[in-house]
PDB file of all heavy atoms in Angstrom:
ATOM      1  N   THR A   1      50.138  33.406  27.322  1.00  0.00           N
ATOM      2  CA  THR A   1      49.465  31.979  27.541  1.00  0.00           C
ATOM      3  C   THR A   1      50.448  30.992  27.785  1.00  0.00           C
ATOM      4  O   THR A   1      50.063  29.973  28.483  1.00  0.00           O
ATOM      5  CB  THR A   1      48.598  31.735  26.359  1.00  0.00           C
ATOM      6  OG1 THR A   1      49.438  31.385  25.202  1.00  0.00           O
ATOM      7  CG2 THR A   1      47.539  32.688  26.020  1.00  0.00           C
ATOM      8  N   GLY A   2      51.697  31.096  27.379  1.00  0.00           N
ATOM      9  CA  GLY A   2      52.818  30.157  27.478  1.00  0.00           C
ATOM     10  C   GLY A   2      52.605  28.891  26.436  1.00  0.00           C
ATOM     11  O   GLY A   2      53.289  27.906  26.625  1.00  0.00           O
ATOM     12  N   LEU A   3      51.585  29.079  25.519  1.00  0.00           N
ATOM     13  CA  LEU A   3      51.247  27.993  24.743  1.00  0.00           C
ATOM     14  C   LEU A   3      51.578  28.468  23.215  1.00  0.00           C
ATOM     15  O   LEU A   3      51.816  29.783  22.951  1.00  0.00           O
ATOM     16  CB  LEU A   3      49.751  27.811  24.643  1.00  0.00           C
ATOM     17  CG  LEU A   3      49.177  27.404  25.926  1.00  0.00           C
ATOM     18  CD1 LEU A   3      47.606  27.276  25.780  1.00  0.00           C
ATOM     19  CD2 LEU A   3      49.654  25.946  26.218  1.00  0.00           C
ATOM     20  N   PRO A   4      51.838  27.526  22.393  1.00  0.00           N
ATOM     21  CA  PRO A   4      52.066  27.832  20.946  1.00  0.00           C
ATOM     22  C   PRO A   4      50.828  28.310  20.272  1.00  0.00           C
ATOM     23  O   PRO A   4      49.885  27.517  20.157  1.00  0.00           O
ATOM     24  CB  PRO A   4      52.728  26.598  20.344  1.00  0.00           C
ATOM     25  CG  PRO A   4      52.259  25.493  21.229  1.00  0.00           C
ATOM     26  CD  PRO A   4      52.146  26.144  22.574  1.00  0.00           C
ATOM     27  N   VAL A   5      50.660  29.503  19.924  1.00  0.00           N
ATOM     28  CA  VAL A   5      49.423  30.079  19.366  1.00  0.00           C
ATOM     29  C   VAL A   5      49.687  30.601  18.011  1.00  0.00           C
ATOM     30  O   VAL A   5      50.794  31.395  17.712  1.00  0.00           O
ATOM     31  CB  VAL A   5      48.845  31.173  20.243  1.00  0.00           C
ATOM     32  CG1 VAL A   5      47.499  31.786  19.621  1.00  0.00           C
ATOM     33  CG2 VAL A   5      48.540  30.873  21.673  1.00  0.00           C
ATOM     34  N   THR A   6      48.851  30.226  17.133  1.00  0.00           N
ATOM     35  CA  THR A   6      49.109  30.675  15.621  1.00  0.00           C
ATOM     36  C   THR A   6      47.889  31.511  15.322  1.00  0.00           C
ATOM     37  O   THR A   6      46.730  31.304  15.803  1.00  0.00           O
ATOM     38  CB  THR A   6      49.353  29.628  14.694  1.00  0.00           C
ATOM     39  OG1 THR A   6      48.199  28.747  14.640  1.00  0.00           O
ATOM     40  CG2 THR A   6      50.655  28.772  14.924  1.00  0.00           C
ATOM     41  N   LEU A   7      48.035  32.367  14.330  1.00  0.00           N
ATOM     42  CA  LEU A   7      46.988  33.247  13.710  1.00  0.00           C
ATOM     43  C   LEU A   7      47.003  33.144  12.178  1.00  0.00           C
ATOM     44  O   LEU A   7      48.142  33.116  11.651  1.00  0.00           O
ATOM     45  CB  LEU A   7      47.202  34.715  14.078  1.00  0.00           C
ATOM     46  CG  LEU A   7      46.225  35.629  13.565  1.00  0.00           C
ATOM     47  CD1 LEU A   7      44.874  35.621  14.269  1.00  0.00           C
ATOM     48  CD2 LEU A   7      46.778  37.119  13.668  1.00  0.00           C
ATOM     49  N   SER A   8      45.884  32.861  11.566  1.00  0.00           N
ATOM     50  CA  SER A   8      45.914  32.754  10.168  1.00  0.00           C
ATOM     51  C   SER A   8      44.677  33.470   9.512  1.00  0.00           C
ATOM     52  O   SER A   8      43.623  33.627  10.237  1.00  0.00           O
ATOM     53  CB  SER A   8      45.816  31.284   9.785  1.00  0.00           C
ATOM     54  OG  SER A   8      44.646  30.633  10.034  1.00  0.00           O
ATOM     55  N   VAL A   9      44.917  33.891   8.334  1.00  0.00           N
ATOM     56  CA  VAL A   9      43.806  34.648   7.617  1.00  0.00           C
ATOM     57  C   VAL A   9      43.756  33.953   6.215  1.00  0.00           C
ATOM     58  O   VAL A   9      44.861  33.855   5.533  1.00  0.00           O
ATOM     59  CB  VAL A   9      43.915  36.105   7.671  1.00  0.00           C
ATOM     60  CG1 VAL A   9      45.372  36.521   7.024  1.00  0.00           C
ATOM     61  CG2 VAL A   9      42.847  36.812   6.920  1.00  0.00           C
ATOM     62  N   ALA A  10      42.687  33.896   5.586  1.00  0.00           N
ATOM     63  CA  ALA A  10      42.340  33.462   4.176  1.00  0.00           C
ATOM     64  C   ALA A  10      43.358  32.386   3.713  1.00  0.00           C
ATOM     65  O   ALA A  10      43.513  31.524   4.328  1.00  0.00           O
ATOM     66  CB  ALA A  10      42.330  34.727   3.340  1.00  0.00           C
ATOM     67  N   ASP A  11      44.026  32.788   2.559  1.00  0.00           N
ATOM     68  CA  ASP A  11      45.076  31.887   1.959  1.00  0.00           C
ATOM     69  C   ASP A  11      46.411  31.956   2.471  1.00  0.00           C
ATOM     70  O   ASP A  11      47.351  31.527   1.789  1.00  0.00           O
ATOM     71  CB  ASP A  11      44.885  31.995   0.440  1.00  0.00           C
ATOM     72  CG  ASP A  11      43.468  31.660   0.020  1.00  0.00           C
ATOM     73  OD1 ASP A  11      42.926  30.804   0.570  1.00  0.00           O
ATOM     74  OD2 ASP A  11      43.142  32.357  -1.019  1.00  0.00           O
ATOM     75  N   LYS A  12      46.604  32.722   3.550  1.00  0.00           N
ATOM     76  CA  LYS A  12      48.065  32.957   3.989  1.00  0.00           C
ATOM     77  C   LYS A  12      48.467  31.809   5.022  1.00  0.00           C
ATOM     78  O   LYS A  12      47.508  31.287   5.726  1.00  0.00           O
ATOM     79  CB  LYS A  12      48.255  34.276   4.618  1.00  0.00           C
ATOM     80  CG  LYS A  12      47.927  35.469   3.493  1.00  0.00           C
ATOM     81  CD  LYS A  12      48.272  36.763   4.207  1.00  0.00           C
ATOM     82  CE  LYS A  12      48.039  37.864   3.152  1.00  0.00           C
ATOM     83  NZ  LYS A  12      48.218  39.178   3.655  1.00  0.00           N
ATOM     84  N   GLU A  13      49.713  31.519   5.129  1.00  0.00           N
ATOM     85  CA  GLU A  13      50.233  30.594   6.138  1.00  0.00           C
ATOM     86  C   GLU A  13      50.035  31.234   7.440  1.00  0.00           C
ATOM     87  O   GLU A  13      50.098  32.310   7.673  1.00  0.00           O
ATOM     88  CB  GLU A  13      51.700  30.328   5.876  1.00  0.00           C
ATOM     89  CG  GLU A  13      52.049  29.604   4.532  1.00  0.00           C
ATOM     90  CD  GLU A  13      51.448  28.084   4.759  1.00  0.00           C
ATOM     91  OE1 GLU A  13      51.779  27.409   5.755  1.00  0.00           O
ATOM     92  OE2 GLU A  13      51.020  27.697   3.652  1.00  0.00           O
ATOM     93  N   PRO A  14      49.723  30.166   8.444  1.00  0.00           N
ATOM     94  CA  PRO A  14      49.560  30.847   9.860  1.00  0.00           C
ATOM     95  C   PRO A  14      50.892  31.361  10.329  1.00  0.00           C
ATOM     96  O   PRO A  14      51.948  30.924   9.984  1.00  0.00           O
ATOM     97  CB  PRO A  14      49.328  29.371  10.581  1.00  0.00           C
ATOM     98  CG  PRO A  14      48.868  28.479   9.572  1.00  0.00           C
ATOM     99  CD  PRO A  14      49.507  28.828   8.303  1.00  0.00           C
ATOM    100  N   VAL A  15      50.840  32.245  11.276  1.00  0.00           N
ATOM    101  CA  VAL A  15      52.067  32.822  11.838  1.00  0.00           C
ATOM    102  C   VAL A  15      51.938  32.771  13.378  1.00  0.00           C
ATOM    103  O   VAL A  15      50.888  32.535  13.924  1.00  0.00           O
ATOM    104  CB  VAL A  15      52.042  34.440  11.455  1.00  0.00           C
ATOM    105  CG1 VAL A  15      52.301  34.564  10.023  1.00  0.00           C
ATOM    106  CG2 VAL A  15      50.953  35.280  12.065  1.00  0.00           C
ATOM    107  N   ASN A  16      53.025  32.896  13.866  1.00  0.00           N
ATOM    108  CA  ASN A  16      53.181  32.893  15.432  1.00  0.00           C
ATOM    109  C   ASN A  16      52.512  34.144  16.072  1.00  0.00           C
ATOM    110  O   ASN A  16      52.855  35.339  15.656  1.00  0.00           O
ATOM    111  CB  ASN A  16      54.703  32.962  15.732  1.00  0.00           C
ATOM    112  CG  ASN A  16      54.876  32.933  17.325  1.00  0.00           C
ATOM    113  OD1 ASN A  16      53.997  33.020  18.095  1.00  0.00           O
ATOM    114  ND2 ASN A  16      56.240  32.689  17.719  1.00  0.00           N
ATOM    115  N   ALA A  17      51.380  34.038  16.775  1.00  0.00           N
ATOM    116  CA  ALA A  17      50.663  35.121  17.286  1.00  0.00           C
ATOM    117  C   ALA A  17      51.365  35.784  18.389  1.00  0.00           C
ATOM    118  O   ALA A  17      51.038  36.973  18.696  1.00  0.00           O
ATOM    119  CB  ALA A  17      49.329  34.480  17.820  1.00  0.00           C
ATOM    120  N   SER A  18      52.482  35.356  18.859  1.00  0.00           N
ATOM    121  CA  SER A  18      53.348  35.961  19.826  1.00  0.00           C
ATOM    122  C   SER A  18      54.220  37.009  19.212  1.00  0.00           C
ATOM    123  O   SER A  18      54.947  37.735  19.910  1.00  0.00           O
ATOM    124  CB  SER A  18      54.046  35.022  20.629  1.00  0.00           C
ATOM    125  OG  SER A  18      53.374  34.231  21.250  1.00  0.00           O
ATOM    126  N   SER A  19      54.409  37.029  17.906  1.00  0.00           N
ATOM    127  CA  SER A  19      55.255  37.977  17.203  1.00  0.00           C
ATOM    128  C   SER A  19      54.453  39.016  16.533  1.00  0.00           C
ATOM    129  O   SER A  19      53.779  38.919  15.610  1.00  0.00           O
ATOM    130  CB  SER A  19      56.056  37.133  16.091  1.00  0.00           C
ATOM    131  OG  SER A  19      56.635  37.999  15.255  1.00  0.00           O
ATOM    132  N   ILE A  20      54.685  40.245  17.029  1.00  0.00           N
ATOM    133  CA  ILE A  20      53.953  41.404  16.542  1.00  0.00           C
ATOM    134  C   ILE A  20      54.234  41.548  15.090  1.00  0.00           C
ATOM    135  O   ILE A  20      53.359  41.919  14.266  1.00  0.00           O
ATOM    136  CB  ILE A  20      54.430  42.721  17.364  1.00  0.00           C
ATOM    137  CG1 ILE A  20      53.395  43.824  16.809  1.00  0.00           C
ATOM    138  CG2 ILE A  20      55.760  43.039  17.307  1.00  0.00           C
ATOM    139  CD1 ILE A  20      53.581  45.213  17.616  1.00  0.00           C
ATOM    140  N   LEU A  21      55.559  41.420  14.631  1.00  0.00           N
ATOM    141  CA  LEU A  21      55.868  41.562  13.155  1.00  0.00           C
ATOM    142  C   LEU A  21      55.108  40.523  12.310  1.00  0.00           C
ATOM    143  O   LEU A  21      54.713  40.859  11.258  1.00  0.00           O
ATOM    144  CB  LEU A  21      57.267  41.505  12.960  1.00  0.00           C
ATOM    145  CG  LEU A  21      58.129  42.705  13.547  1.00  0.00           C
ATOM    146  CD1 LEU A  21      59.592  42.461  13.355  1.00  0.00           C
ATOM    147  CD2 LEU A  21      57.689  43.995  13.074  1.00  0.00           C
ATOM    148  N   ALA A  22      55.119  39.356  12.812  1.00  0.00           N
ATOM    149  CA  ALA A  22      54.356  38.268  12.018  1.00  0.00           C
ATOM    150  C   ALA A  22      52.911  38.589  11.886  1.00  0.00           C
ATOM    151  O   ALA A  22      52.266  38.488  10.908  1.00  0.00           O
ATOM    152  CB  ALA A  22      54.611  36.878  12.730  1.00  0.00           C
ATOM    153  N   VAL A  23      52.325  39.075  13.054  1.00  0.00           N
ATOM    154  CA  VAL A  23      50.864  39.477  13.033  1.00  0.00           C
ATOM    155  C   VAL A  23      50.673  40.539  12.041  1.00  0.00           C
ATOM    156  O   VAL A  23      49.686  40.511  11.315  1.00  0.00           O
ATOM    157  CB  VAL A  23      50.342  39.863  14.462  1.00  0.00           C
ATOM    158  CG1 VAL A  23      48.987  40.337  14.450  1.00  0.00           C
ATOM    159  CG2 VAL A  23      50.527  38.556  15.338  1.00  0.00           C
ATOM    160  N   MET A  24      51.509  41.534  12.114  1.00  0.00           N
ATOM    161  CA  MET A  24      51.270  42.724  11.259  1.00  0.00           C
ATOM    162  C   MET A  24      51.463  42.417   9.753  1.00  0.00           C
ATOM    163  O   MET A  24      50.837  42.909   9.021  1.00  0.00           O
ATOM    164  CB  MET A  24      52.174  43.939  11.745  1.00  0.00           C
ATOM    165  CG  MET A  24      51.683  44.459  12.915  1.00  0.00           C
ATOM    166  SD  MET A  24      52.737  45.830  13.626  1.00  0.00           S
ATOM    167  CE  MET A  24      52.598  46.941  12.173  1.00  0.00           C
ATOM    168  N   SER A  25      52.373  41.377   9.558  1.00  0.00           N
ATOM    169  CA  SER A  25      52.555  40.858   8.246  1.00  0.00           C
ATOM    170  C   SER A  25      51.457  40.421   7.562  1.00  0.00           C
ATOM    171  O   SER A  25      51.413  40.404   6.166  1.00  0.00           O
ATOM    172  CB  SER A  25      53.764  39.952   8.084  1.00  0.00           C
ATOM    173  OG  SER A  25      53.444  38.675   8.527  1.00  0.00           O
ATOM    174  N   LEU A  26      50.415  39.937   8.283  1.00  0.00           N
ATOM    175  CA  LEU A  26      49.196  39.262   7.668  1.00  0.00           C
ATOM    176  C   LEU A  26      48.224  40.410   6.945  1.00  0.00           C
ATOM    177  O   LEU A  26      47.541  40.066   6.125  1.00  0.00           O
ATOM    178  CB  LEU A  26      48.428  38.567   8.669  1.00  0.00           C
ATOM    179  CG  LEU A  26      49.002  37.168   9.209  1.00  0.00           C
ATOM    180  CD1 LEU A  26      48.156  36.630  10.263  1.00  0.00           C
ATOM    181  CD2 LEU A  26      49.082  36.227   8.025  1.00  0.00           C
ATOM    182  N   GLY A  27      48.420  41.625   7.363  1.00  0.00           N
ATOM    183  CA  GLY A  27      47.862  42.791   6.916  1.00  0.00           C
ATOM    184  C   GLY A  27      46.254  42.674   7.200  1.00  0.00           C
ATOM    185  O   GLY A  27      45.398  42.875   6.246  1.00  0.00           O
ATOM    186  N   VAL A  28      45.830  42.131   8.267  1.00  0.00           N
ATOM    187  CA  VAL A  28      44.520  42.042   8.650  1.00  0.00           C
ATOM    188  C   VAL A  28      43.634  43.270   8.850  1.00  0.00           C
ATOM    189  O   VAL A  28      44.159  44.054   9.603  1.00  0.00           O
ATOM    190  CB  VAL A  28      44.208  41.008   9.784  1.00  0.00           C
ATOM    191  CG1 VAL A  28      42.801  40.816  10.192  1.00  0.00           C
ATOM    192  CG2 VAL A  28      44.995  39.682   9.618  1.00  0.00           C
ATOM    193  N   GLY A  29      42.575  43.430   8.030  1.00  0.00           N
ATOM    194  CA  GLY A  29      41.880  44.723   8.326  1.00  0.00           C
ATOM    195  C   GLY A  29      40.554  44.507   9.133  1.00  0.00           C
ATOM    196  O   GLY A  29      40.138  43.450   9.455  1.00  0.00           O
ATOM    197  N   HIS A  30      40.100  45.643   9.446  1.00  0.00           N
ATOM    198  CA  HIS A  30      38.649  45.698  10.201  1.00  0.00           C
ATOM    199  C   HIS A  30      37.683  44.735   9.505  1.00  0.00           C
ATOM    200  O   HIS A  30      37.529  44.869   8.223  1.00  0.00           O
ATOM    201  CB  HIS A  30      38.210  47.108  10.287  1.00  0.00           C
ATOM    202  CG  HIS A  30      36.787  47.268  10.846  1.00  0.00           C
ATOM    203  ND1 HIS A  30      36.475  47.136  12.199  1.00  0.00           N
ATOM    204  CD2 HIS A  30      35.704  47.347  10.170  1.00  0.00           C
ATOM    205  CE1 HIS A  30      35.125  47.125  12.302  1.00  0.00           C
ATOM    206  NE2 HIS A  30      34.623  47.378  11.167  1.00  0.00           N
ATOM    207  N   GLY A  31      36.997  43.934  10.282  1.00  0.00           N
ATOM    208  CA  GLY A  31      35.797  43.117   9.608  1.00  0.00           C
ATOM    209  C   GLY A  31      36.430  41.788   9.053  1.00  0.00           C
ATOM    210  O   GLY A  31      35.546  41.020   8.594  1.00  0.00           O
ATOM    211  N   GLN A  32      37.639  41.607   8.919  1.00  0.00           N
ATOM    212  CA  GLN A  32      38.215  40.311   8.330  1.00  0.00           C
ATOM    213  C   GLN A  32      38.085  39.239   9.467  1.00  0.00           C
ATOM    214  O   GLN A  32      38.248  39.518  10.618  1.00  0.00           O
ATOM    215  CB  GLN A  32      39.642  40.600   7.857  1.00  0.00           C
ATOM    216  CG  GLN A  32      39.723  41.135   6.520  1.00  0.00           C
ATOM    217  CD  GLN A  32      41.188  40.967   6.097  1.00  0.00           C
ATOM    218  OE1 GLN A  32      42.062  41.854   6.480  1.00  0.00           O
ATOM    219  NE2 GLN A  32      41.483  39.960   5.183  1.00  0.00           N
ATOM    220  N   SER A  33      37.914  38.060   8.987  1.00  0.00           N
ATOM    221  CA  SER A  33      37.904  36.895   9.871  1.00  0.00           C
ATOM    222  C   SER A  33      39.253  36.346   9.926  1.00  0.00           C
ATOM    223  O   SER A  33      39.921  36.176   8.854  1.00  0.00           O
ATOM    224  CB  SER A  33      36.864  35.766   9.488  1.00  0.00           C
ATOM    225  OG  SER A  33      35.654  36.367   9.519  1.00  0.00           O
ATOM    226  N   VAL A  34      39.678  35.965  11.152  1.00  0.00           N
ATOM    227  CA  VAL A  34      40.949  35.219  11.312  1.00  0.00           C
ATOM    228  C   VAL A  34      40.781  34.004  12.072  1.00  0.00           C
ATOM    229  O   VAL A  34      39.702  33.948  12.797  1.00  0.00           O
ATOM    230  CB  VAL A  34      42.069  36.139  12.079  1.00  0.00           C
ATOM    231  CG1 VAL A  34      42.316  37.402  11.329  1.00  0.00           C
ATOM    232  CG2 VAL A  34      41.527  36.516  13.438  1.00  0.00           C
TER     233      VAL A  34
END
């Protein structure tokens, strides 16, 4: 996208959605809302 995109879940701090490691660190499971 070329844009700063963040992903967040529940009570965790938002992470850089462009970083696979950051995205995986959130531990988001099936059916969870982000």
